[in-house]
PDB file of all heavy atoms in Angstrom:
ATOM      1  N   TYR A   1     110.186  92.671  68.480  1.00  0.00           N
ATOM      2  CA  TYR A   1     109.211  92.951  69.512  1.00  0.00           C
ATOM      3  C   TYR A   1     108.725  91.669  70.169  1.00  0.00           C
ATOM      4  O   TYR A   1     108.229  90.766  69.506  1.00  0.00           O
ATOM      5  CB  TYR A   1     108.032  93.724  68.936  1.00  0.00           C
ATOM      6  CG  TYR A   1     108.475  95.001  68.241  1.00  0.00           C
ATOM      7  CD1 TYR A   1     108.538  95.107  66.876  1.00  0.00           C
ATOM      8  CD2 TYR A   1     108.859  96.095  69.007  1.00  0.00           C
ATOM      9  CE1 TYR A   1     108.968  96.265  66.242  1.00  0.00           C
ATOM     10  CE2 TYR A   1     109.284  97.280  68.401  1.00  0.00           C
ATOM     11  CZ  TYR A   1     109.329  97.346  67.022  1.00  0.00           C
ATOM     12  OH  TYR A   1     109.753  98.511  66.419  1.00  0.00           O
ATOM     13  N   SER A   2     108.861  91.586  71.490  1.00  0.00           N
ATOM     14  CA  SER A   2     108.515  90.376  72.227  1.00  0.00           C
ATOM     15  C   SER A   2     107.021  90.114  72.241  1.00  0.00           C
ATOM     16  O   SER A   2     106.207  91.032  72.182  1.00  0.00           O
ATOM     17  CB  SER A   2     109.029  90.484  73.669  1.00  0.00           C
ATOM     18  OG  SER A   2     110.429  90.586  73.745  1.00  0.00           O
ATOM     19  N   ALA A   3     106.664  88.848  72.297  1.00  0.00           N
ATOM     20  CA  ALA A   3     105.261  88.455  72.376  1.00  0.00           C
ATOM     21  C   ALA A   3     104.694  88.759  73.742  1.00  0.00           C
ATOM     22  O   ALA A   3     105.344  88.565  74.773  1.00  0.00           O
ATOM     23  CB  ALA A   3     105.133  86.979  72.084  1.00  0.00           C
ATOM     24  N   ASN A   4     103.460  89.269  73.783  1.00  0.00           N
ATOM     25  CA  ASN A   4     102.774  89.467  75.050  1.00  0.00           C
ATOM     26  C   ASN A   4     102.469  88.108  75.712  1.00  0.00           C
ATOM     27  O   ASN A   4     102.644  87.938  76.902  1.00  0.00           O
ATOM     28  CB  ASN A   4     101.457  90.218  74.860  1.00  0.00           C
ATOM     29  CG  ASN A   4     101.657  91.606  74.315  1.00  0.00           C
ATOM     30  OD1 ASN A   4     101.133  91.936  73.232  1.00  0.00           O
ATOM     31  ND2 ASN A   4     102.416  92.423  74.999  1.00  0.00           N
ATOM     32  N   VAL A   5     102.017  87.163  74.889  1.00  0.00           N
ATOM     33  CA  VAL A   5     101.646  85.855  75.385  1.00  0.00           C
ATOM     34  C   VAL A   5     102.286  84.794  74.491  1.00  0.00           C
ATOM     35  O   VAL A   5     102.232  84.879  73.260  1.00  0.00           O
ATOM     36  CB  VAL A   5     100.122  85.650  75.403  1.00  0.00           C
ATOM     37  CG1 VAL A   5      99.792  84.257  75.948  1.00  0.00           C
ATOM     38  CG2 VAL A   5      99.458  86.719  76.274  1.00  0.00           C
ATOM     39  N   MET A   6     102.878  83.812  75.124  1.00  0.00           N
ATOM     40  CA  MET A   6     103.377  82.624  74.448  1.00  0.00           C
ATOM     41  C   MET A   6     102.598  81.425  74.953  1.00  0.00           C
ATOM     42  O   MET A   6     102.255  81.386  76.151  1.00  0.00           O
ATOM     43  CB  MET A   6     104.868  82.412  74.674  1.00  0.00           C
ATOM     44  CG  MET A   6     105.734  83.539  74.187  1.00  0.00           C
ATOM     45  SD  MET A   6     107.504  83.225  74.531  1.00  0.00           S
ATOM     46  CE  MET A   6     108.285  84.617  73.735  1.00  0.00           C
ATOM     47  N   GLY A   7     102.324  80.486  74.094  1.00  0.00           N
ATOM     48  CA  GLY A   7     101.581  79.340  74.538  1.00  0.00           C
ATOM     49  C   GLY A   7     101.784  78.098  73.703  1.00  0.00           C
ATOM     50  O   GLY A   7     102.387  78.157  72.637  1.00  0.00           O
ATOM     51  N   TRP A   8     101.310  76.993  74.260  1.00  0.00           N
ATOM     52  CA  TRP A   8     101.326  75.713  73.576  1.00  0.00           C
ATOM     53  C   TRP A   8      99.897  75.207  73.478  1.00  0.00           C
ATOM     54  O   TRP A   8      99.161  75.202  74.470  1.00  0.00           O
ATOM     55  CB  TRP A   8     102.195  74.699  74.304  1.00  0.00           C
ATOM     56  CG  TRP A   8     103.653  74.991  74.239  1.00  0.00           C
ATOM     57  CD1 TRP A   8     104.382  75.677  75.133  1.00  0.00           C
ATOM     58  CD2 TRP A   8     104.548  74.574  73.196  1.00  0.00           C
ATOM     59  NE1 TRP A   8     105.720  75.737  74.720  1.00  0.00           N
ATOM     60  CE2 TRP A   8     105.826  75.058  73.536  1.00  0.00           C
ATOM     61  CE3 TRP A   8     104.403  73.852  72.013  1.00  0.00           C
ATOM     62  CZ2 TRP A   8     106.958  74.836  72.735  1.00  0.00           C
ATOM     63  CZ3 TRP A   8     105.514  73.626  71.215  1.00  0.00           C
ATOM     64  CH2 TRP A   8     106.771  74.139  71.599  1.00  0.00           C
ATOM     65  N   TYR A   9      99.539  74.737  72.283  1.00  0.00           N
ATOM     66  CA  TYR A   9      98.246  74.107  72.037  1.00  0.00           C
ATOM     67  C   TYR A   9      98.499  72.688  71.553  1.00  0.00           C
ATOM     68  O   TYR A   9      99.595  72.357  71.139  1.00  0.00           O
ATOM     69  CB  TYR A   9      97.458  74.869  70.979  1.00  0.00           C
ATOM     70  CG  TYR A   9      96.993  76.252  71.405  1.00  0.00           C
ATOM     71  CD1 TYR A   9      97.898  77.306  71.516  1.00  0.00           C
ATOM     72  CD2 TYR A   9      95.666  76.508  71.663  1.00  0.00           C
ATOM     73  CE1 TYR A   9      97.499  78.587  71.914  1.00  0.00           C
ATOM     74  CE2 TYR A   9      95.226  77.775  72.047  1.00  0.00           C
ATOM     75  CZ  TYR A   9      96.153  78.802  72.163  1.00  0.00           C
ATOM     76  OH  TYR A   9      95.724  80.052  72.529  1.00  0.00           O
ATOM     77  N   ARG A  10      97.468  71.862  71.620  1.00  0.00           N
ATOM     78  CA  ARG A  10      97.599  70.525  71.057  1.00  0.00           C
ATOM     79  C   ARG A  10      96.278  70.092  70.424  1.00  0.00           C
ATOM     80  O   ARG A  10      95.201  70.571  70.802  1.00  0.00           O
ATOM     81  CB  ARG A  10      98.038  69.502  72.123  1.00  0.00           C
ATOM     82  CG  ARG A  10      97.015  69.227  73.213  1.00  0.00           C
ATOM     83  CD  ARG A  10      97.597  68.307  74.277  1.00  0.00           C
ATOM     84  NE  ARG A  10      96.634  67.997  75.332  1.00  0.00           N
ATOM     85  CZ  ARG A  10      96.929  67.343  76.427  1.00  0.00           C
ATOM     86  NH1 ARG A  10      98.194  66.940  76.658  1.00  0.00           N
ATOM     87  NH2 ARG A  10      95.993  67.079  77.334  1.00  0.00           N
ATOM     88  N   GLN A  11      96.392  69.181  69.488  1.00  0.00           N
ATOM     89  CA  GLN A  11      95.228  68.654  68.807  1.00  0.00           C
ATOM     90  C   GLN A  11      95.419  67.167  68.543  1.00  0.00           C
ATOM     91  O   GLN A  11      96.360  66.759  67.870  1.00  0.00           O
ATOM     92  CB  GLN A  11      94.982  69.381  67.486  1.00  0.00           C
ATOM     93  CG  GLN A  11      93.683  68.991  66.797  1.00  0.00           C
ATOM     94  CD  GLN A  11      93.325  69.942  65.688  1.00  0.00           C
ATOM     95  OE1 GLN A  11      94.159  70.644  65.132  1.00  0.00           O
ATOM     96  NE2 GLN A  11      92.033  70.010  65.363  1.00  0.00           N
ATOM     97  N   ALA A  12      94.525  66.368  69.107  1.00  0.00           N
ATOM     98  CA  ALA A  12      94.518  64.945  68.892  1.00  0.00           C
ATOM     99  C   ALA A  12      93.540  64.624  67.758  1.00  0.00           C
ATOM    100  O   ALA A  12      92.635  65.413  67.473  1.00  0.00           O
ATOM    101  CB  ALA A  12      94.096  64.202  70.161  1.00  0.00           C
ATOM    102  N   PRO A  13      93.683  63.467  67.106  1.00  0.00           N
ATOM    103  CA  PRO A  13      92.790  63.110  66.004  1.00  0.00           C
ATOM    104  C   PRO A  13      91.315  63.150  66.420  1.00  0.00           C
ATOM    105  O   PRO A  13      90.946  62.591  67.459  1.00  0.00           O
ATOM    106  CB  PRO A  13      93.223  61.689  65.653  1.00  0.00           C
ATOM    107  CG  PRO A  13      94.648  61.634  66.054  1.00  0.00           C
ATOM    108  CD  PRO A  13      94.747  62.466  67.294  1.00  0.00           C
ATOM    109  N   GLY A  14      90.491  63.830  65.630  1.00  0.00           N
ATOM    110  CA  GLY A  14      89.083  63.916  65.890  1.00  0.00           C
ATOM    111  C   GLY A  14      88.681  64.857  66.994  1.00  0.00           C
ATOM    112  O   GLY A  14      87.502  64.912  67.358  1.00  0.00           O
ATOM    113  N   LYS A  15      89.637  65.593  67.553  1.00  0.00           N
ATOM    114  CA  LYS A  15      89.336  66.502  68.646  1.00  0.00           C
ATOM    115  C   LYS A  15      89.686  67.936  68.298  1.00  0.00           C
ATOM    116  O   LYS A  15      90.481  68.202  67.392  1.00  0.00           O
ATOM    117  CB  LYS A  15      90.099  66.071  69.911  1.00  0.00           C
ATOM    118  CG  LYS A  15      89.728  64.707  70.458  1.00  0.00           C
ATOM    119  CD  LYS A  15      90.412  64.462  71.800  1.00  0.00           C
ATOM    120  CE  LYS A  15      89.873  65.401  72.851  1.00  0.00           C
ATOM    121  NZ  LYS A  15      90.497  65.143  74.204  1.00  0.00           N
ATOM    122  N   GLN A  16      89.092  68.861  69.011  1.00  0.00           N
ATOM    123  CA  GLN A  16      89.344  70.282  68.815  1.00  0.00           C
ATOM    124  C   GLN A  16      90.710  70.643  69.379  1.00  0.00           C
ATOM    125  O   GLN A  16      91.153  70.082  70.386  1.00  0.00           O
ATOM    126  CB  GLN A  16      88.224  71.078  69.507  1.00  0.00           C
ATOM    127  CG  GLN A  16      88.313  72.568  69.314  1.00  0.00           C
ATOM    128  CD  GLN A  16      87.098  73.279  69.914  1.00  0.00           C
ATOM    129  OE1 GLN A  16      86.631  74.272  69.358  1.00  0.00           O
ATOM    130  NE2 GLN A  16      86.623  72.807  71.036  1.00  0.00           N
ATOM    131  N   ARG A  17      91.357  71.610  68.747  1.00  0.00           N
ATOM    132  CA  ARG A  17      92.599  72.115  69.269  1.00  0.00           C
ATOM    133  C   ARG A  17      92.357  72.807  70.615  1.00  0.00           C
ATOM    134  O   ARG A  17      91.423  73.579  70.760  1.00  0.00           O
ATOM    135  CB  ARG A  17      93.252  73.096  68.298  1.00  0.00           C
ATOM    136  CG  ARG A  17      94.640  73.563  68.723  1.00  0.00           C
ATOM    137  CD  ARG A  17      95.267  74.464  67.666  1.00  0.00           C
ATOM    138  NE  ARG A  17      95.466  73.759  66.403  1.00  0.00           N
ATOM    139  CZ  ARG A  17      96.131  74.259  65.363  1.00  0.00           C
ATOM    140  NH1 ARG A  17      96.672  75.462  65.444  1.00  0.00           N
ATOM    141  NH2 ARG A  17      96.240  73.547  64.249  1.00  0.00           N
ATOM    142  N   GLU A  18      93.186  72.489  71.595  1.00  0.00           N
ATOM    143  CA  GLU A  18      93.003  73.026  72.926  1.00  0.00           C
ATOM    144  C   GLU A  18      94.262  73.692  73.457  1.00  0.00           C
ATOM    145  O   GLU A  18      95.375  73.316  73.089  1.00  0.00           O
ATOM    146  CB  GLU A  18      92.580  71.927  73.902  1.00  0.00           C
ATOM    147  CG  GLU A  18      93.626  70.851  74.115  1.00  0.00           C
ATOM    148  CD  GLU A  18      93.273  69.875  75.221  1.00  0.00           C
ATOM    149  OE1 GLU A  18      92.394  70.174  76.032  1.00  0.00           O
ATOM    150  OE2 GLU A  18      93.926  68.785  75.278  1.00  0.00           O
ATOM    151  N   LEU A  19      94.071  74.688  74.316  1.00  0.00           N
ATOM    152  CA  LEU A  19      95.208  75.327  74.970  1.00  0.00           C
ATOM    153  C   LEU A  19      95.761  74.400  76.031  1.00  0.00           C
ATOM    154  O   LEU A  19      95.014  73.906  76.886  1.00  0.00           O
ATOM    155  CB  LEU A  19      94.761  76.655  75.595  1.00  0.00           C
ATOM    156  CG  LEU A  19      95.828  77.387  76.433  1.00  0.00           C
ATOM    157  CD1 LEU A  19      96.963  77.879  75.528  1.00  0.00           C
ATOM    158  CD2 LEU A  19      95.216  78.551  77.207  1.00  0.00           C
ATOM    159  N   VAL A  20      97.058  74.189  75.988  1.00  0.00           N
ATOM    160  CA  VAL A  20      97.728  73.383  77.018  1.00  0.00           C
ATOM    161  C   VAL A  20      98.267  74.271  78.114  1.00  0.00           C
ATOM    162  O   VAL A  20      98.063  74.000  79.310  1.00  0.00           O
ATOM    163  CB  VAL A  20      98.871  72.554  76.386  1.00  0.00           C
ATOM    164  CG1 VAL A  20      99.628  71.768  77.463  1.00  0.00           C
ATOM    165  CG2 VAL A  20      98.334  71.633  75.315  1.00  0.00           C
ATOM    166  N   ALA A  21      99.002  75.309  77.747  1.00  0.00           N
ATOM    167  CA  ALA A  21      99.608  76.205  78.708  1.00  0.00           C
ATOM    168  C   ALA A  21      99.937  77.509  78.025  1.00  0.00           C
ATOM    169  O   ALA A  21     100.226  77.557  76.830  1.00  0.00           O
ATOM    170  CB  ALA A  21     100.864  75.608  79.327  1.00  0.00           C
ATOM    171  N   SER A  22      99.939  78.603  78.801  1.00  0.00           N
ATOM    172  CA  SER A  22     100.332  79.902  78.294  1.00  0.00           C
ATOM    173  C   SER A  22     101.121  80.666  79.349  1.00  0.00           C
ATOM    174  O   SER A  22     101.015  80.338  80.546  1.00  0.00           O
ATOM    175  CB  SER A  22      99.109  80.736  77.830  1.00  0.00           C
ATOM    176  OG  SER A  22      98.275  81.043  78.943  1.00  0.00           O
ATOM    177  N   ILE A  23     101.870  81.648  78.907  1.00  0.00           N
ATOM    178  CA  ILE A  23     102.679  82.443  79.802  1.00  0.00           C
ATOM    179  C   ILE A  23     102.797  83.859  79.270  1.00  0.00           C
ATOM    180  O   ILE A  23     103.005  84.069  78.090  1.00  0.00           O
ATOM    181  CB  ILE A  23     104.079  81.788  80.011  1.00  0.00           C
ATOM    182  CG1 ILE A  23     104.892  82.573  81.056  1.00  0.00           C
ATOM    183  CG2 ILE A  23     104.819  81.655  78.700  1.00  0.00           C
ATOM    184  CD1 ILE A  23     106.158  81.816  81.502  1.00  0.00           C
ATOM    185  N   THR A  24     102.634  84.843  80.153  1.00  0.00           N
ATOM    186  CA  THR A  24     102.755  86.227  79.792  1.00  0.00           C
ATOM    187  C   THR A  24     104.197  86.674  79.828  1.00  0.00           C
ATOM    188  O   THR A  24     105.085  85.932  80.270  1.00  0.00           O
ATOM    189  CB  THR A  24     101.904  87.131  80.685  1.00  0.00           C
ATOM    190  OG1 THR A  24     102.473  87.143  82.015  1.00  0.00           O
ATOM    191  CG2 THR A  24     100.455  86.657  80.761  1.00  0.00           C
ATOM    192  N   TYR A  25     104.434  87.904  79.418  1.00  0.00           N
ATOM    193  CA  TYR A  25     105.785  88.440  79.346  1.00  0.00           C
ATOM    194  C   TYR A  25     106.473  88.392  80.721  1.00  0.00           C
ATOM    195  O   TYR A  25     107.689  88.103  80.790  1.00  0.00           O
ATOM    196  CB  TYR A  25     105.771  89.892  78.848  1.00  0.00           C
ATOM    197  CG  TYR A  25     107.147  90.497  78.663  1.00  0.00           C
ATOM    198  CD1 TYR A  25     107.857  90.291  77.476  1.00  0.00           C
ATOM    199  CD2 TYR A  25     107.720  91.266  79.675  1.00  0.00           C
ATOM    200  CE1 TYR A  25     109.114  90.835  77.312  1.00  0.00           C
ATOM    201  CE2 TYR A  25     108.990  91.813  79.502  1.00  0.00           C
ATOM    202  CZ  TYR A  25     109.673  91.599  78.318  1.00  0.00           C
ATOM    203  OH  TYR A  25     110.922  92.158  78.154  1.00  0.00           O
TER     204      TYR A  25
END
């Protein structure tokens, strides 16, 4: 079953994880 949303997140030292980009089906 395919994902509704795919995305990339990133986290730098001492920082909160953040959304970089996302894409729908």
